C-alpha atoms as a PDB file:
ATOM      1  CA  MET A   1      25.416 -58.779 -35.738  1.00  0.00           C
ATOM      2  CA  LYS A   2      25.803 -55.680 -33.624  1.00  0.00           C
ATOM      3  CA  ILE A   3      23.014 -54.613 -31.174  1.00  0.00           C
ATOM      4  CA  ARG A   4      22.519 -50.886 -30.398  1.00  0.00           C
ATOM      5  CA  ASN A   5      22.062 -49.806 -26.820  1.00  0.00           C
ATOM      6  CA  ALA A   6      19.139 -47.398 -26.393  1.00  0.00           C
ATOM      7  CA  GLN A   7      20.105 -44.514 -24.156  1.00  0.00           C
ATOM      8  CA  GLY A   8      18.026 -41.514 -23.084  1.00  0.00           C
ATOM      9  CA  PHE A   9      14.285 -41.013 -22.852  1.00  0.00           C
ATOM     10  CA  ALA A  10      11.663 -42.269 -25.216  1.00  0.00           C
ATOM     11  CA  LEU A  11       8.900 -39.903 -26.340  1.00  0.00           C
ATOM     12  CA  ILE A  12       6.380 -41.569 -24.050  1.00  0.00           C
ATOM     13  CA  ASP A  13       8.700 -41.020 -21.076  1.00  0.00           C
ATOM     14  CA  MET A  14       8.936 -37.287 -21.868  1.00  0.00           C
ATOM     15  CA  ILE A  15       5.138 -36.990 -22.177  1.00  0.00           C
ATOM     16  CA  PHE A  16       4.676 -38.739 -18.822  1.00  0.00           C
ATOM     17  CA  VAL A  17       7.192 -36.455 -17.056  1.00  0.00           C
ATOM     18  CA  SER A  18       5.641 -33.351 -18.656  1.00  0.00           C
ATOM     19  CA  GLY A  19       2.203 -34.434 -17.455  1.00  0.00           C
ATOM     20  CA  ILE A  20       3.422 -34.827 -13.875  1.00  0.00           C
ATOM     21  CA  VAL A  21       5.135 -31.405 -13.945  1.00  0.00           C
ATOM     22  CA  GLY A  22       1.949 -29.838 -15.359  1.00  0.00           C
ATOM     23  CA  LEU A  23      -0.156 -31.430 -12.613  1.00  0.00           C
ATOM     24  CA  LEU A  24       2.158 -30.168  -9.881  1.00  0.00           C
ATOM     25  CA  CYS A  25       2.116 -26.636 -11.381  1.00  0.00           C
ATOM     26  CA  GLY A  26      -1.689 -26.715 -11.510  1.00  0.00           C
ATOM     27  CA  ILE A  27      -1.785 -27.536  -7.803  1.00  0.00           C
ATOM     28  CA  ALA A  28       0.881 -25.006  -6.759  1.00  0.00           C
ATOM     29  CA  LEU A  29      -0.116 -21.954  -8.831  1.00  0.00           C
ATOM     30  CA  PRO A  30      -3.315 -20.998  -6.935  1.00  0.00           C
ATOM     31  CA  ASN A  31      -1.431 -21.238  -3.640  1.00  0.00           C
ATOM     32  CA  LEU A  32       1.321 -19.040  -5.050  1.00  0.00           C
ATOM     33  CA  LEU A  33      -1.225 -16.409  -6.110  1.00  0.00           C
ATOM     34  CA  ARG A  34      -2.873 -16.456  -2.658  1.00  0.00           C
ATOM     35  CA  ALA A  35       0.527 -16.052  -1.003  1.00  0.00           C
ATOM     36  CA  LYS A  36       1.333 -13.103  -3.282  1.00  0.00           C
ATOM     37  CA  GLN A  37      -1.988 -11.438  -2.396  1.00  0.00           C
ATOM     38  CA  SER A  38      -1.425 -11.985   1.330  1.00  0.00           C
ATOM     39  CA  ALA A  39       2.040 -10.467   1.087  1.00  0.00           C
ATOM     40  CA  GLY A  40       0.654  -7.472  -0.815  1.00  0.00           C
ATOM     41  CA  ALA A  41      -2.076  -6.952   1.792  1.00  0.00           C
ATOM     42  CA  ALA A  42       0.470  -7.102   4.619  1.00  0.00           C
ATOM     43  CA  SER A  43       2.595  -4.522   2.786  1.00  0.00           C
ATOM     44  CA  ALA A  44      -0.446  -2.243   2.298  1.00  0.00           C
ATOM     45  CA  ILE A  45      -1.315  -2.433   5.993  1.00  0.00           C
ATOM     46  CA  GLY A  46       2.294  -1.651   6.905  1.00  0.00           C
ATOM     47  CA  THR A  47       2.280   1.298   4.516  1.00  0.00           C
ATOM     48  CA  LEU A  48      -0.889   2.727   6.083  1.00  0.00           C
ATOM     49  CA  ARG A  49       0.660   2.328   9.532  1.00  0.00           C
ATOM     50  CA  ALA A  50       3.722   4.215   8.297  1.00  0.00           C
ATOM     51  CA  ILE A  51       1.473   6.990   6.948  1.00  0.00           C
ATOM     52  CA  ASN A  52      -0.341   7.222  10.307  1.00  0.00           C
ATOM     53  CA  SER A  53       2.967   7.470  12.138  1.00  0.00           C
ATOM     54  CA  ALA A  54       4.381  10.024   9.674  1.00  0.00           C
ATOM     55  CA  GLU A  55       1.263  12.193   9.902  1.00  0.00           C
ATOM     56  CA  LEU A  56       1.358  12.188  13.701  1.00  0.00           C
ATOM     57  CA  THR A  57       5.060  13.058  13.714  1.00  0.00           C
ATOM     58  CA  TYR A  58       4.430  15.797  11.148  1.00  0.00           C
ATOM     59  CA  ALA A  59       1.580  17.295  13.181  1.00  0.00           C
ATOM     60  CA  LEU A  60       3.618  17.278  16.393  1.00  0.00           C
ATOM     61  CA  THR A  61       6.922  18.548  15.020  1.00  0.00           C
ATOM     62  CA  CYS A  62       6.325  20.523  11.848  1.00  0.00           C
ATOM     63  CA  GLY A  63       2.625  21.232  11.287  1.00  0.00           C
ATOM     64  CA  SER A  64       1.759  23.004  14.552  1.00  0.00           C
ATOM     65  CA  GLY A  65      -0.962  20.420  15.173  1.00  0.00           C
ATOM     66  CA  PHE A  66      -2.093  20.202  11.535  1.00  0.00           C
ATOM     67  CA  TYR A  67      -1.586  17.313   9.112  1.00  0.00           C
ATOM     68  CA  ALA A  68       0.158  17.076   5.749  1.00  0.00           C
ATOM     69  CA  PRO A  69      -2.352  17.177   2.871  1.00  0.00           C
ATOM     70  CA  ASP A  70      -0.501  14.758   0.556  1.00  0.00           C
ATOM     71  CA  LEU A  71       2.370  12.284   0.155  1.00  0.00           C
ATOM     72  CA  PRO A  72       4.883  14.767  -1.350  1.00  0.00           C
ATOM     73  CA  THR A  73       4.538  16.994   1.733  1.00  0.00           C
ATOM     74  CA  LEU A  74       5.410  14.046   3.973  1.00  0.00           C
ATOM     75  CA  GLY A  75       8.295  13.303   1.603  1.00  0.00           C
ATOM     76  CA  THR A  76       9.826  16.766   2.170  1.00  0.00           C
ATOM     77  CA  ALA A  77      12.401  16.875   4.952  1.00  0.00           C
ATOM     78  CA  PRO A  78      12.180  19.728   7.471  1.00  0.00           C
ATOM     79  CA  PRO A  79      15.019  22.262   7.631  1.00  0.00           C
ATOM     80  CA  GLY A  80      18.105  20.941   9.378  1.00  0.00           C
ATOM     81  CA  SER A  81      17.266  17.312   8.589  1.00  0.00           C
ATOM     82  CA  ILE A  82      17.985  15.030   5.668  1.00  0.00           C
ATOM     83  CA  GLU A  83      15.233  12.577   6.621  1.00  0.00           C
ATOM     84  CA  PRO A  84      11.667  13.173   5.416  1.00  0.00           C
ATOM     85  CA  PHE A  85       8.652  12.016   7.411  1.00  0.00           C
ATOM     86  CA  ILE A  86       7.991   9.076   5.076  1.00  0.00           C
ATOM     87  CA  SER A  87      10.111   6.808   2.880  1.00  0.00           C
ATOM     88  CA  PRO A  88      11.161   8.090  -0.565  1.00  0.00           C
ATOM     89  CA  ASP A  89       9.182   5.395  -2.426  1.00  0.00           C
ATOM     90  CA  LEU A  90       6.010   7.057  -1.110  1.00  0.00           C
ATOM     91  CA  GLY A  91       7.102  10.675  -0.715  1.00  0.00           C
ATOM     92  CA  ASN A  92       8.580  11.018  -4.201  1.00  0.00           C
ATOM     93  CA  ALA A  93       5.761   9.207  -6.003  1.00  0.00           C
ATOM     94  CA  GLY A  94       3.428  12.190  -6.423  1.00  0.00           C
ATOM     95  CA  ALA A  95      -0.255  12.146  -5.516  1.00  0.00           C
ATOM     96  CA  THR A  96      -0.425   8.330  -5.652  1.00  0.00           C
ATOM     97  CA  ALA A  97       2.087   5.553  -5.180  1.00  0.00           C
ATOM     98  CA  THR A  98       1.930   1.955  -6.365  1.00  0.00           C
ATOM     99  CA  LYS A  99       3.453  -0.520  -3.948  1.00  0.00           C
ATOM    100  CA  SER A 100       3.134  -4.323  -3.749  1.00  0.00           C
ATOM    101  CA  GLY A 101       0.032  -4.449  -5.931  1.00  0.00           C
ATOM    102  CA  TYR A 102      -1.759  -1.605  -4.129  1.00  0.00           C
ATOM    103  CA  LEU A 103      -2.471   1.983  -5.123  1.00  0.00           C
ATOM    104  CA  ILE A 104      -1.665   4.201  -2.105  1.00  0.00           C
ATOM    105  CA  ARG A 105      -3.318   7.635  -1.800  1.00  0.00           C
ATOM    106  CA  LEU A 106      -3.335  10.349   0.868  1.00  0.00           C
ATOM    107  CA  GLU A 107      -5.447  13.489   1.037  1.00  0.00           C
ATOM    108  CA  GLY A 108      -6.195  16.206   3.566  1.00  0.00           C
ATOM    109  CA  THR A 109      -8.541  19.145   3.039  1.00  0.00           C
ATOM    110  CA  PRO A 110      -6.629  22.425   3.445  1.00  0.00           C
ATOM    111  CA  TYR A 111      -7.785  24.492   6.416  1.00  0.00           C
ATOM    112  CA  ALA A 112      -7.711  28.272   5.993  1.00  0.00           C
ATOM    113  CA  GLY A 113      -6.652  28.815   9.622  1.00  0.00           C
ATOM    114  CA  ALA A 114      -3.608  26.515   9.438  1.00  0.00           C
ATOM    115  CA  PRO A 115      -0.240  28.226   9.917  1.00  0.00           C
ATOM    116  CA  ALA A 116       2.725  27.796   7.583  1.00  0.00           C
ATOM    117  CA  THR A 117       4.697  24.614   8.275  1.00  0.00           C
ATOM    118  CA  CYS A 118       8.405  24.079   8.775  1.00  0.00           C
ATOM    119  CA  ASN A 119       8.843  22.190   5.489  1.00  0.00           C
ATOM    120  CA  GLY A 120       7.360  24.767   3.143  1.00  0.00           C
ATOM    121  CA  LEU A 121       3.571  24.583   3.211  1.00  0.00           C
ATOM    122  CA  ALA A 122       2.013  28.036   3.030  1.00  0.00           C
ATOM    123  CA  VAL A 123      -0.564  29.432   5.439  1.00  0.00           C
ATOM    124  CA  GLY A 124      -3.865  27.608   4.928  1.00  0.00           C
ATOM    125  CA  ASP A 125      -2.410  24.549   3.149  1.00  0.00           C
ATOM    126  CA  ALA A 126      -2.181  22.115   6.088  1.00  0.00           C
ATOM    127  CA  ALA A 127      -5.192  19.993   7.058  1.00  0.00           C
ATOM    128  CA  GLN A 128      -7.155  19.363  10.252  1.00  0.00           C
ATOM    129  CA  GLY A 129      -7.476  15.677   9.313  1.00  0.00           C
ATOM    130  CA  PHE A 130      -6.473  13.263   6.564  1.00  0.00           C
ATOM    131  CA  LYS A 131      -7.564  10.090   4.836  1.00  0.00           C
ATOM    132  CA  ALA A 132      -5.399   7.451   3.223  1.00  0.00           C
ATOM    133  CA  ALA A 133      -6.340   4.342   1.285  1.00  0.00           C
ATOM    134  CA  ALA A 134      -4.722   1.295  -0.258  1.00  0.00           C
ATOM    135  CA  ASP A 135      -6.732  -0.078  -3.192  1.00  0.00           C
ATOM    136  CA  THR A 136      -5.718  -3.386  -4.733  1.00  0.00           C
ATOM    137  CA  THR A 137      -4.639  -3.556  -8.361  1.00  0.00           C
ATOM    138  CA  MET A 138      -4.939  -7.371  -8.401  1.00  0.00           C
ATOM    139  CA  PRO A 139      -8.615  -7.897  -9.360  1.00  0.00           C
ATOM    140  CA  PRO A 140      -9.374 -11.499  -8.408  1.00  0.00           C
ATOM    141  CA  TYR A 141      -8.766 -10.807  -4.735  1.00  0.00           C
ATOM    142  CA  ALA A 142     -10.558  -7.839  -3.209  1.00  0.00           C
ATOM    143  CA  ARG A 143      -9.083  -6.499   0.024  1.00  0.00           C
ATOM    144  CA  PHE A 144      -9.146  -2.737   0.352  1.00  0.00           C
ATOM    145  CA  PHE A 145      -7.770  -0.751   3.270  1.00  0.00           C
ATOM    146  CA  GLY A 146      -8.185   2.790   4.567  1.00  0.00           C
ATOM    147  CA  THR A 147      -7.216   4.950   7.521  1.00  0.00           C
ATOM    148  CA  ASN A 148      -7.599   8.515   8.731  1.00  0.00           C
ATOM    149  CA  ALA A 149      -6.590  10.871  11.546  1.00  0.00           C
ATOM    150  CA  SER A 150      -8.178   8.522  14.108  1.00  0.00           C
ATOM    151  CA  GLY A 151      -5.264   6.130  13.475  1.00  0.00           C
ATOM    152  CA  THR A 152      -7.463   3.047  12.949  1.00  0.00           C
ATOM    153  CA  ILE A 153      -7.005   0.954   9.809  1.00  0.00           C
ATOM    154  CA  TYR A 154     -10.204  -0.351   8.202  1.00  0.00           C
ATOM    155  CA  GLU A 155     -10.710  -3.214   5.740  1.00  0.00           C
ATOM    156  CA  ASP A 156     -13.514  -3.723   3.213  1.00  0.00           C
ATOM    157  CA  THR A 157     -14.318  -5.641   0.020  1.00  0.00           C
ATOM    158  CA  ALA A 158     -14.764  -2.359  -1.886  1.00  0.00           C
ATOM    159  CA  SER A 159     -12.612   0.746  -2.053  1.00  0.00           C
ATOM    160  CA  LEU A 160     -12.705   2.869   1.104  1.00  0.00           C
ATOM    161  CA  TRP A 161     -11.232   5.934  -0.635  1.00  0.00           C
ATOM    162  CA  GLY A 162     -14.548   7.641  -1.416  1.00  0.00           C
ATOM    163  CA  ALA A 163     -16.260   6.681   1.843  1.00  0.00           C
ATOM    164  CA  MET A 164     -13.399   7.453   4.231  1.00  0.00           C
ATOM    165  CA  PRO A 165     -13.907  10.641   6.256  1.00  0.00           C
ATOM    166  CA  GLU A 166     -10.847  12.517   7.467  1.00  0.00           C
ATOM    167  CA  VAL A 167     -11.597  11.983  11.164  1.00  0.00           C
ATOM    168  CA  ASP A 168     -14.421   9.557  12.060  1.00  0.00           C
ATOM    169  CA  ALA A 169     -15.114   5.911  11.211  1.00  0.00           C
ATOM    170  CA  PRO A 170     -16.256   5.164   7.637  1.00  0.00           C
ATOM    171  CA  LEU A 171     -19.820   3.997   6.946  1.00  0.00           C
ATOM    172  CA  SER A 172     -18.532   0.678   5.554  1.00  0.00           C
ATOM    173  CA  GLY A 173     -15.603  -1.528   6.453  1.00  0.00           C
ATOM    174  CA  SER A 174     -14.422  -3.049   9.681  1.00  0.00           C
ATOM    175  CA  PRO A 175     -11.445  -2.093  11.831  1.00  0.00           C
ATOM    176  CA  LEU A 176      -8.376  -4.322  11.818  1.00  0.00           C
ATOM    177  CA  HIS A 177      -7.287  -5.566  15.204  1.00  0.00           C
END
């Protein structure tokens, strides 16, 4: 009589291995989501720092002391240069840009006394101040950021877009250090 050798996994072995893999995934997934949110927040803060730097450079070199009113203006290179004031992923996005799970917006109220700028803004289109915000698009975690012409970046648990003035500190939120 011939005896068969059993090779491979039995069904119970596969169920046991699947259970262990499922348990490990259940432990790792929340940590992965927290890491993704932290990376997105760091990217949003870096983006707001880049906007602050671009606005200051714009005001000093192109705006005659006035700020750009929106992202496309910062995305327009001055004459004689091929480099805009801000990266193309922000400057070419239109009024808002989505980056790393955050909605990035920039706005400045046009000032009638502002001169024309070197990159094409007409008289009265540049701003005396600006506000920018990064609002999360990942709902379970609520970290919202905002900045303005003061150069300070603020953090809050609700959107700072509506409450952010163009020059002074907002009524809510705390400055990042």
